[in-house]
C-alpha atoms as a PDB file:
ATOM      1  CA  MET A   1      67.742 -35.895 140.065  1.00  0.00           C
ATOM      2  CA  THR A   2      65.835 -39.058 140.671  1.00  0.00           C
ATOM      3  CA  GLU A   3      64.916 -41.628 137.805  1.00  0.00           C
ATOM      4  CA  SER A   4      61.274 -40.704 138.064  1.00  0.00           C
ATOM      5  CA  GLN A   5      61.929 -37.291 136.790  1.00  0.00           C
ATOM      6  CA  TYR A   6      63.044 -38.634 133.374  1.00  0.00           C
ATOM      7  CA  GLY A   7      60.618 -39.322 130.557  1.00  0.00           C
ATOM      8  CA  ILE A   8      57.926 -37.564 128.754  1.00  0.00           C
ATOM      9  CA  ILE A   9      56.204 -34.784 130.466  1.00  0.00           C
ATOM     10  CA  LYS A  10      52.669 -34.409 129.272  1.00  0.00           C
ATOM     11  CA  PRO A  11      51.175 -31.018 128.984  1.00  0.00           C
ATOM     12  CA  LYS A  12      48.286 -30.009 131.579  1.00  0.00           C
ATOM     13  CA  SER A  13      46.439 -28.868 128.727  1.00  0.00           C
ATOM     14  CA  THR A  14      46.025 -29.701 124.883  1.00  0.00           C
ATOM     15  CA  LEU A  15      44.883 -26.534 123.056  1.00  0.00           C
ATOM     16  CA  SER A  16      44.545 -26.530 119.368  1.00  0.00           C
ATOM     17  CA  HIS A  17      44.717 -23.478 117.253  1.00  0.00           C
ATOM     18  CA  MET A  18      41.452 -21.928 115.402  1.00  0.00           C
ATOM     19  CA  ALA A  19      40.416 -18.902 113.496  1.00  0.00           C
ATOM     20  CA  LEU A  20      37.195 -17.146 113.957  1.00  0.00           C
ATOM     21  CA  LEU A  21      34.738 -16.547 111.094  1.00  0.00           C
ATOM     22  CA  ARG A  22      32.344 -13.410 111.705  1.00  0.00           C
ATOM     23  CA  VAL A  23      29.147 -13.314 109.797  1.00  0.00           C
ATOM     24  CA  PRO A  24      25.937 -11.169 109.894  1.00  0.00           C
ATOM     25  CA  HIS A  25      22.926 -12.926 111.481  1.00  0.00           C
ATOM     26  CA  ARG A  26      19.705 -11.016 112.372  1.00  0.00           C
ATOM     27  CA  GLY A  27      21.528  -7.443 112.531  1.00  0.00           C
ATOM     28  CA  ARG A  28      24.254  -8.767 115.035  1.00  0.00           C
ATOM     29  CA  LEU A  29      27.601 -10.415 114.887  1.00  0.00           C
ATOM     30  CA  LEU A  30      27.879 -14.120 114.761  1.00  0.00           C
ATOM     31  CA  GLU A  31      31.328 -15.550 115.693  1.00  0.00           C
ATOM     32  CA  VAL A  32      31.881 -19.174 114.634  1.00  0.00           C
ATOM     33  CA  GLY A  33      34.905 -21.213 114.730  1.00  0.00           C
ATOM     34  CA  ASP A  34      36.616 -21.628 111.413  1.00  0.00           C
ATOM     35  CA  PRO A  35      37.139 -24.356 110.010  1.00  0.00           C
ATOM     36  CA  PRO A  36      33.870 -26.119 111.100  1.00  0.00           C
ATOM     37  CA  PHE A  37      34.271 -28.722 113.780  1.00  0.00           C
ATOM     38  CA  GLY A  38      34.444 -32.366 111.920  1.00  0.00           C
ATOM     39  CA  PRO A  39      34.123 -34.555 110.313  1.00  0.00           C
ATOM     40  CA  ASN A  40      32.580 -36.772 112.993  1.00  0.00           C
ATOM     41  CA  LYS A  41      29.425 -37.785 114.435  1.00  0.00           C
ATOM     42  CA  TYR A  42      27.166 -34.974 115.789  1.00  0.00           C
ATOM     43  CA  GLU A  43      27.808 -35.713 119.588  1.00  0.00           C
ATOM     44  CA  ASP A  44      31.506 -35.958 118.981  1.00  0.00           C
ATOM     45  CA  ASN A  45      31.644 -32.587 117.198  1.00  0.00           C
ATOM     46  CA  LYS A  46      29.471 -30.982 120.128  1.00  0.00           C
ATOM     47  CA  LYS A  47      31.989 -32.346 122.566  1.00  0.00           C
ATOM     48  CA  SER A  48      34.913 -31.085 120.422  1.00  0.00           C
ATOM     49  CA  MET A  49      33.435 -27.642 120.595  1.00  0.00           C
ATOM     50  CA  LYS A  50      33.721 -27.696 124.617  1.00  0.00           C
ATOM     51  CA  GLU A  51      37.366 -28.236 124.309  1.00  0.00           C
ATOM     52  CA  ARG A  52      39.574 -24.949 125.078  1.00  0.00           C
ATOM     53  CA  ARG A  53      41.358 -23.567 121.735  1.00  0.00           C
ATOM     54  CA  LEU A  54      43.655 -20.904 120.951  1.00  0.00           C
ATOM     55  CA  HIS A  55      42.889 -18.164 118.682  1.00  0.00           C
ATOM     56  CA  ALA A  56      45.392 -18.810 115.678  1.00  0.00           C
ATOM     57  CA  GLU A  57      46.726 -14.904 115.823  1.00  0.00           C
ATOM     58  CA  ILE A  58      46.315 -13.755 119.163  1.00  0.00           C
ATOM     59  CA  PHE A  59      46.422 -16.908 121.255  1.00  0.00           C
ATOM     60  CA  GLN A  60      43.095 -16.067 123.359  1.00  0.00           C
ATOM     61  CA  GLU A  61      41.374 -19.157 124.737  1.00  0.00           C
ATOM     62  CA  MET A  62      37.956 -20.157 123.422  1.00  0.00           C
ATOM     63  CA  THR A  63      35.181 -22.470 123.572  1.00  0.00           C
ATOM     64  CA  PHE A  64      32.209 -23.025 121.550  1.00  0.00           C
ATOM     65  CA  ARG A  65      28.649 -24.237 121.443  1.00  0.00           C
ATOM     66  CA  PRO A  66      26.163 -25.551 118.579  1.00  0.00           C
ATOM     67  CA  LEU A  67      24.538 -23.451 116.378  1.00  0.00           C
ATOM     68  CA  THR A  68      20.831 -23.384 116.021  1.00  0.00           C
ATOM     69  CA  THR A  69      19.460 -24.146 112.596  1.00  0.00           C
ATOM     70  CA  SER A  70      18.921 -20.456 111.715  1.00  0.00           C
ATOM     71  CA  GLU A  71      22.632 -19.671 112.931  1.00  0.00           C
ATOM     72  CA  SER A  72      23.991 -22.397 110.740  1.00  0.00           C
ATOM     73  CA  ILE A  73      21.855 -21.292 107.810  1.00  0.00           C
ATOM     74  CA  SER A  74      23.285 -17.856 108.084  1.00  0.00           C
ATOM     75  CA  VAL A  75      26.794 -18.995 108.244  1.00  0.00           C
ATOM     76  CA  LEU A  76      26.523 -21.237 105.402  1.00  0.00           C
ATOM     77  CA  ALA A  77      24.611 -18.526 103.221  1.00  0.00           C
ATOM     78  CA  TYR A  78      27.589 -16.343 103.927  1.00  0.00           C
ATOM     79  CA  ASN A  79      30.365 -16.702 101.170  1.00  0.00           C
ATOM     80  CA  PHE A  80      28.265 -19.598 100.010  1.00  0.00           C
ATOM     81  CA  ARG A  81      29.932 -19.952  96.658  1.00  0.00           C
ATOM     82  CA  ASN A  82      33.762 -20.046  97.934  1.00  0.00           C
ATOM     83  CA  GLU A  83      33.186 -22.042 101.118  1.00  0.00           C
ATOM     84  CA  GLY A  84      29.995 -23.422 101.596  1.00  0.00           C
ATOM     85  CA  VAL A  85      29.582 -25.806  98.334  1.00  0.00           C
ATOM     86  CA  PRO A  86      33.039 -27.117  97.938  1.00  0.00           C
ATOM     87  CA  LYS A  87      34.155 -27.367 101.408  1.00  0.00           C
ATOM     88  CA  ILE A  88      30.835 -28.600 103.181  1.00  0.00           C
ATOM     89  CA  ILE A  89      27.731 -29.548 101.296  1.00  0.00           C
ATOM     90  CA  ASP A  90      29.342 -30.746  98.129  1.00  0.00           C
ATOM     91  CA  SER A  91      31.644 -33.159  99.938  1.00  0.00           C
ATOM     92  CA  CYS A  92      29.786 -34.040 103.060  1.00  0.00           C
ATOM     93  CA  CYS A  93      26.850 -32.601 105.074  1.00  0.00           C
ATOM     94  CA  LEU A  94      26.148 -29.782 107.338  1.00  0.00           C
ATOM     95  CA  GLN A  95      24.746 -30.982 110.716  1.00  0.00           C
ATOM     96  CA  LEU A  96      21.979 -28.746 111.456  1.00  0.00           C
ATOM     97  CA  GLY A  97      21.133 -30.286 114.844  1.00  0.00           C
ATOM     98  CA  ARG A  98      18.388 -32.607 116.516  1.00  0.00           C
ATOM     99  CA  HIS A  99      14.722 -32.230 115.634  1.00  0.00           C
ATOM    100  CA  LEU A 100      11.443 -34.244 116.648  1.00  0.00           C
ATOM    101  CA  ARG A 101       9.139 -35.777 114.397  1.00  0.00           C
ATOM    102  CA  THR A 102       5.724 -36.342 115.413  1.00  0.00           C
ATOM    103  CA  GLN A 103       2.182 -37.500 114.419  1.00  0.00           C
ATOM    104  CA  GLU A 104       1.268 -33.884 113.525  1.00  0.00           C
ATOM    105  CA  GLY A 105       4.291 -32.137 112.861  1.00  0.00           C
ATOM    106  CA  VAL A 106       7.985 -31.214 113.373  1.00  0.00           C
ATOM    107  CA  TYR A 107       9.836 -29.486 116.262  1.00  0.00           C
ATOM    108  CA  ALA A 108      13.033 -27.681 115.486  1.00  0.00           C
ATOM    109  CA  ASN A 109      15.631 -26.219 118.054  1.00  0.00           C
ATOM    110  CA  LEU A 110      14.425 -28.329 120.738  1.00  0.00           C
ATOM    111  CA  PRO A 111      14.941 -26.515 124.250  1.00  0.00           C
ATOM    112  CA  ASN A 112      17.130 -28.408 126.861  1.00  0.00           C
ATOM    113  CA  ASP A 113      16.182 -29.471 130.327  1.00  0.00           C
ATOM    114  CA  ALA A 114      18.151 -29.206 133.457  1.00  0.00           C
ATOM    115  CA  GLN A 115      20.674 -31.946 132.607  1.00  0.00           C
ATOM    116  CA  GLY A 116      21.463 -30.185 129.159  1.00  0.00           C
ATOM    117  CA  ASN A 117      19.562 -32.942 127.105  1.00  0.00           C
ATOM    118  CA  PRO A 118      16.943 -32.009 124.509  1.00  0.00           C
ATOM    119  CA  ILE A 119      13.513 -31.962 125.571  1.00  0.00           C
ATOM    120  CA  THR A 120      11.323 -34.755 123.632  1.00  0.00           C
ATOM    121  CA  ASP A 121       8.313 -34.985 125.944  1.00  0.00           C
ATOM    122  CA  LEU A 122       5.348 -33.940 123.886  1.00  0.00           C
ATOM    123  CA  GLU A 123       3.381 -32.909 126.777  1.00  0.00           C
ATOM    124  CA  ILE A 124       5.924 -30.538 127.744  1.00  0.00           C
ATOM    125  CA  LEU A 125       6.801 -29.336 124.250  1.00  0.00           C
ATOM    126  CA  LYS A 126       2.922 -28.685 123.484  1.00  0.00           C
ATOM    127  CA  LYS A 127       2.937 -26.476 126.765  1.00  0.00           C
ATOM    128  CA  LEU A 128       5.849 -24.532 125.424  1.00  0.00           C
ATOM    129  CA  LEU A 129       3.948 -23.683 122.263  1.00  0.00           C
ATOM    130  CA  ASP A 130       1.591 -21.658 124.451  1.00  0.00           C
ATOM    131  CA  LYS A 131       4.540 -19.064 124.745  1.00  0.00           C
ATOM    132  CA  THR A 132       5.238 -18.936 121.036  1.00  0.00           C
ATOM    133  CA  THR A 133       4.162 -16.822 118.270  1.00  0.00           C
ATOM    134  CA  LYS A 134       1.394 -18.707 116.217  1.00  0.00           C
ATOM    135  CA  ILE A 135       1.171 -18.216 112.636  1.00  0.00           C
ATOM    136  CA  ARG A 136      -1.464 -19.335 110.169  1.00  0.00           C
ATOM    137  CA  HIS A 137       0.285 -20.822 107.090  1.00  0.00           C
ATOM    138  CA  GLY A 138      -1.251 -22.680 104.226  1.00  0.00           C
ATOM    139  CA  LYS A 139      -3.799 -25.098 105.629  1.00  0.00           C
ATOM    140  CA  GLY A 140      -1.892 -25.349 108.907  1.00  0.00           C
ATOM    141  CA  ASN A 141       0.046 -23.370 111.463  1.00  0.00           C
ATOM    142  CA  ILE A 142       3.874 -22.658 112.189  1.00  0.00           C
ATOM    143  CA  TYR A 143       5.029 -21.565 115.693  1.00  0.00           C
ATOM    144  CA  LEU A 144       8.124 -19.432 116.360  1.00  0.00           C
ATOM    145  CA  GLY A 145       9.408 -19.246 120.004  1.00  0.00           C
ATOM    146  CA  ASP A 146      12.672 -18.152 121.925  1.00  0.00           C
ATOM    147  CA  ASN A 147      15.981 -19.360 121.110  1.00  0.00           C
ATOM    148  CA  ASP A 148      15.177 -20.429 117.549  1.00  0.00           C
ATOM    149  CA  PHE A 149      12.540 -22.998 118.743  1.00  0.00           C
ATOM    150  CA  GLY A 150       9.771 -23.723 116.424  1.00  0.00           C
ATOM    151  CA  TYR A 151       7.081 -26.045 115.246  1.00  0.00           C
ATOM    152  CA  ALA A 152       5.417 -26.699 111.750  1.00  0.00           C
ATOM    153  CA  GLU A 153       2.531 -28.898 110.954  1.00  0.00           C
ATOM    154  CA  TYR A 154       2.829 -31.275 108.116  1.00  0.00           C
ATOM    155  CA  GLU A 155       0.087 -29.047 106.426  1.00  0.00           C
ATOM    156  CA  THR A 156       2.303 -26.528 106.026  1.00  0.00           C
ATOM    157  CA  PHE A 157       4.914 -27.804 104.010  1.00  0.00           C
ATOM    158  CA  LYS A 158       5.744 -30.319 101.142  1.00  0.00           C
ATOM    159  CA  ARG A 159       7.769 -33.416 101.463  1.00  0.00           C
ATOM    160  CA  GLY A 160       9.898 -34.897  98.539  1.00  0.00           C
ATOM    161  CA  ILE A 161      11.550 -33.436  95.573  1.00  0.00           C
ATOM    162  CA  GLN A 162      10.267 -29.798  95.083  1.00  0.00           C
ATOM    163  CA  SER A 163      11.004 -26.578  93.402  1.00  0.00           C
ATOM    164  CA  ILE A 164      12.949 -23.951  95.423  1.00  0.00           C
ATOM    165  CA  CYS A 165      10.102 -21.640  95.944  1.00  0.00           C
ATOM    166  CA  GLU A 166       7.918 -24.590  97.186  1.00  0.00           C
ATOM    167  CA  PHE A 167      10.496 -25.270  99.768  1.00  0.00           C
ATOM    168  CA  THR A 168      11.549 -21.790 100.835  1.00  0.00           C
ATOM    169  CA  THR A 169       7.968 -20.544 101.312  1.00  0.00           C
ATOM    170  CA  GLY A 170       6.854 -23.787 103.211  1.00  0.00           C
ATOM    171  CA  GLY A 171       6.755 -23.859 107.114  1.00  0.00           C
ATOM    172  CA  LEU A 172       9.529 -26.408 107.531  1.00  0.00           C
ATOM    173  CA  ALA A 173      12.067 -23.929 105.952  1.00  0.00           C
ATOM    174  CA  ILE A 174      10.561 -21.112 107.740  1.00  0.00           C
ATOM    175  CA  ILE A 175      10.913 -22.311 111.256  1.00  0.00           C
ATOM    176  CA  LEU A 176      14.313 -23.628 110.347  1.00  0.00           C
ATOM    177  CA  GLU A 177      15.508 -20.073 109.533  1.00  0.00           C
ATOM    178  CA  HIS A 178      13.117 -18.847 112.216  1.00  0.00           C
ATOM    179  CA  THR A 179      12.297 -15.839 110.089  1.00  0.00           C
ATOM    180  CA  THR A 180       8.747 -14.053 109.442  1.00  0.00           C
ATOM    181  CA  ASP A 181      10.083 -12.006 106.565  1.00  0.00           C
ATOM    182  CA  LYS A 182       7.429 -12.310 104.326  1.00  0.00           C
ATOM    183  CA  LEU A 183       6.896 -15.816 105.411  1.00  0.00           C
ATOM    184  CA  ALA A 184       9.917 -16.971 102.962  1.00  0.00           C
ATOM    185  CA  ALA A 185      13.288 -18.329 104.221  1.00  0.00           C
ATOM    186  CA  ARG A 186      15.756 -15.756 102.244  1.00  0.00           C
ATOM    187  CA  ASN A 187      19.180 -17.339 103.108  1.00  0.00           C
ATOM    188  CA  LEU A 188      18.006 -20.844 102.181  1.00  0.00           C
ATOM    189  CA  SER A 189      16.674 -19.608  98.761  1.00  0.00           C
ATOM    190  CA  ASP A 190      20.190 -18.116  98.189  1.00  0.00           C
ATOM    191  CA  ILE A 191      21.728 -21.554  99.210  1.00  0.00           C
ATOM    192  CA  ALA A 192      19.416 -23.539  97.032  1.00  0.00           C
ATOM    193  CA  SER A 193      19.330 -21.464  93.729  1.00  0.00           C
ATOM    194  CA  PRO A 194      20.493 -21.369  91.425  1.00  0.00           C
ATOM    195  CA  TYR A 195      23.205 -24.005  92.050  1.00  0.00           C
ATOM    196  CA  HIS A 196      20.970 -26.806  93.079  1.00  0.00           C
ATOM    197  CA  LEU A 197      19.052 -26.888  89.638  1.00  0.00           C
ATOM    198  CA  ARG A 198      16.682 -29.812  90.684  1.00  0.00           C
ATOM    199  CA  GLY A 199      15.489 -28.255  93.328  1.00  0.00           C
ATOM    200  CA  VAL A 200      15.086 -29.427  97.102  1.00  0.00           C
ATOM    201  CA  ASN A 201      14.699 -32.795  98.360  1.00  0.00           C
ATOM    202  CA  VAL A 202      13.037 -32.927 101.874  1.00  0.00           C
ATOM    203  CA  TYR A 203      13.377 -36.174 103.028  1.00  0.00           C
ATOM    204  CA  ARG A 204      12.091 -38.284 106.035  1.00  0.00           C
ATOM    205  CA  PHE A 205      10.044 -35.626 107.159  1.00  0.00           C
ATOM    206  CA  ASP A 206       6.696 -37.550 106.856  1.00  0.00           C
ATOM    207  CA  PRO A 207       4.049 -38.166 109.941  1.00  0.00           C
ATOM    208  CA  VAL A 208       4.946 -40.944 112.281  1.00  0.00           C
ATOM    209  CA  PRO A 209       3.040 -42.929 114.586  1.00  0.00           C
ATOM    210  CA  TYR A 210       5.256 -42.233 117.521  1.00  0.00           C
ATOM    211  CA  SER A 211       8.009 -39.449 117.916  1.00  0.00           C
ATOM    212  CA  ILE A 212      11.422 -39.771 116.367  1.00  0.00           C
ATOM    213  CA  HIS A 213      14.409 -37.725 117.515  1.00  0.00           C
ATOM    214  CA  MET A 214      16.401 -37.416 114.373  1.00  0.00           C
ATOM    215  CA  LEU A 215      19.437 -35.384 113.293  1.00  0.00           C
ATOM    216  CA  VAL A 216      18.870 -33.096 110.446  1.00  0.00           C
ATOM    217  CA  GLY A 217      21.571 -32.317 107.840  1.00  0.00           C
ATOM    218  CA  MET A 218      21.963 -30.537 104.660  1.00  0.00           C
ATOM    219  CA  CYS A 219      24.187 -31.468 101.619  1.00  0.00           C
ATOM    220  CA  SER A 220      24.106 -31.931  97.691  1.00  0.00           C
ATOM    221  CA  GLU A 221      22.412 -34.768  96.312  1.00  0.00           C
ATOM    222  CA  MET A 222      22.979 -35.852  92.568  1.00  0.00           C
ATOM    223  CA  GLN A 223      19.488 -37.003  90.849  1.00  0.00           C
ATOM    224  CA  ASP A 224      19.626 -40.144  88.392  1.00  0.00           C
ATOM    225  CA  SER A 225      17.988 -37.744  85.635  1.00  0.00           C
ATOM    226  CA  GLY A 226      20.845 -35.261  85.789  1.00  0.00           C
ATOM    227  CA  GLY A 227      21.336 -32.096  88.046  1.00  0.00           C
ATOM    228  CA  CYS A 228      21.926 -31.233  91.592  1.00  0.00           C
ATOM    229  CA  CYS A 229      19.234 -31.037  94.418  1.00  0.00           C
ATOM    230  CA  LEU A 230      19.706 -29.676  97.860  1.00  0.00           C
ATOM    231  CA  PHE A 231      19.209 -32.338 100.309  1.00  0.00           C
ATOM    232  CA  LEU A 232      17.583 -31.605 103.639  1.00  0.00           C
ATOM    233  CA  GLY A 233      16.816 -34.702 105.561  1.00  0.00           C
ATOM    234  CA  GLU A 234      17.422 -37.236 108.533  1.00  0.00           C
ATOM    235  CA  LEU A 235      21.220 -38.223 108.526  1.00  0.00           C
ATOM    236  CA  SER A 236      21.925 -41.881 109.065  1.00  0.00           C
ATOM    237  CA  TRP A 237      24.603 -43.317 111.486  1.00  0.00           C
ATOM    238  CA  ASP A 238      24.210 -40.032 113.606  1.00  0.00           C
ATOM    239  CA  GLY A 239      25.850 -38.005 110.674  1.00  0.00           C
ATOM    240  CA  SER A 240      29.076 -39.765 110.825  1.00  0.00           C
ATOM    241  CA  GLY A 241      31.759 -38.030 108.794  1.00  0.00           C
ATOM    242  CA  ASP A 242      30.224 -34.693 108.713  1.00  0.00           C
ATOM    243  CA  TYR A 243      30.625 -31.062 110.012  1.00  0.00           C
ATOM    244  CA  ALA A 244      28.835 -28.721 112.416  1.00  0.00           C
ATOM    245  CA  TYR A 245      29.483 -25.100 113.259  1.00  0.00           C
ATOM    246  CA  GLY A 246      30.233 -23.858 116.707  1.00  0.00           C
ATOM    247  CA  ALA A 247      29.468 -20.285 117.979  1.00  0.00           C
ATOM    248  CA  LEU A 248      31.911 -18.624 120.361  1.00  0.00           C
ATOM    249  CA  VAL A 249      30.801 -18.627 124.049  1.00  0.00           C
ATOM    250  CA  SER A 250      34.041 -17.992 125.970  1.00  0.00           C
ATOM    251  CA  GLY A 251      37.141 -15.951 125.405  1.00  0.00           C
ATOM    252  CA  GLU A 252      37.119 -12.410 123.612  1.00  0.00           C
ATOM    253  CA  ALA A 253      39.070 -13.108 120.207  1.00  0.00           C
ATOM    254  CA  SER A 254      38.958  -9.444 119.374  1.00  0.00           C
ATOM    255  CA  ALA A 255      41.036  -8.316 122.499  1.00  0.00           C
ATOM    256  CA  PRO A 256      44.154  -9.650 123.991  1.00  0.00           C
ATOM    257  CA  LYS A 257      44.565 -10.661 127.366  1.00  0.00           C
ATOM    258  CA  LYS A 258      45.615  -8.485 130.013  1.00  0.00           C
END
């Protein structure tokens, strides 16, 4: 045996173990990695989702994708008291994804271009609105499209600290949850009430003279006057130290390999 055959032999693949959490989402089953990915910057969490992992019990290889805001909200609302509050939004933020804040409104769940990057060109996004469902809401309009793509004009929602009802019936909450259920975001209502007694703080969703590509997150926020508020807004430093959910895209964890 030659000397070059001695020493550390590195494995060809490094597969970590992960369990799956199954939650209901719009009448179908949504399987997400458990625990969520992080704590890290959003882009690093997304990269981590692409790494191959083994199911903790049956050793089935799995990879994941980032969730849309609607999917993340469904996961957070599921078993919210036991998992969502103490492990995520009380200790850090849940990264909901990248949005585009413009002069006239907010785009949620931006579609990707051919290179896999979020589309931020306003001319392209406005053309995509022609393929969505336009709904009159308050003094403005909201738009709901495929793959949870949505747009809410500023006239459809309130900014700053507000009641849970004001928030969940506003256009922003509706496009985030991507629902037309009596035009109220039911899962967000369950998340915000009654734990967050101070209501909801919608932060940095104001009109801007030029488009801003922002990372949006959700967490608990303590107010000086006492009480807790659900925080929904732009995350500084790209969400460093926060979590993101990932949905199963490869591997069939429910069945062993043949």
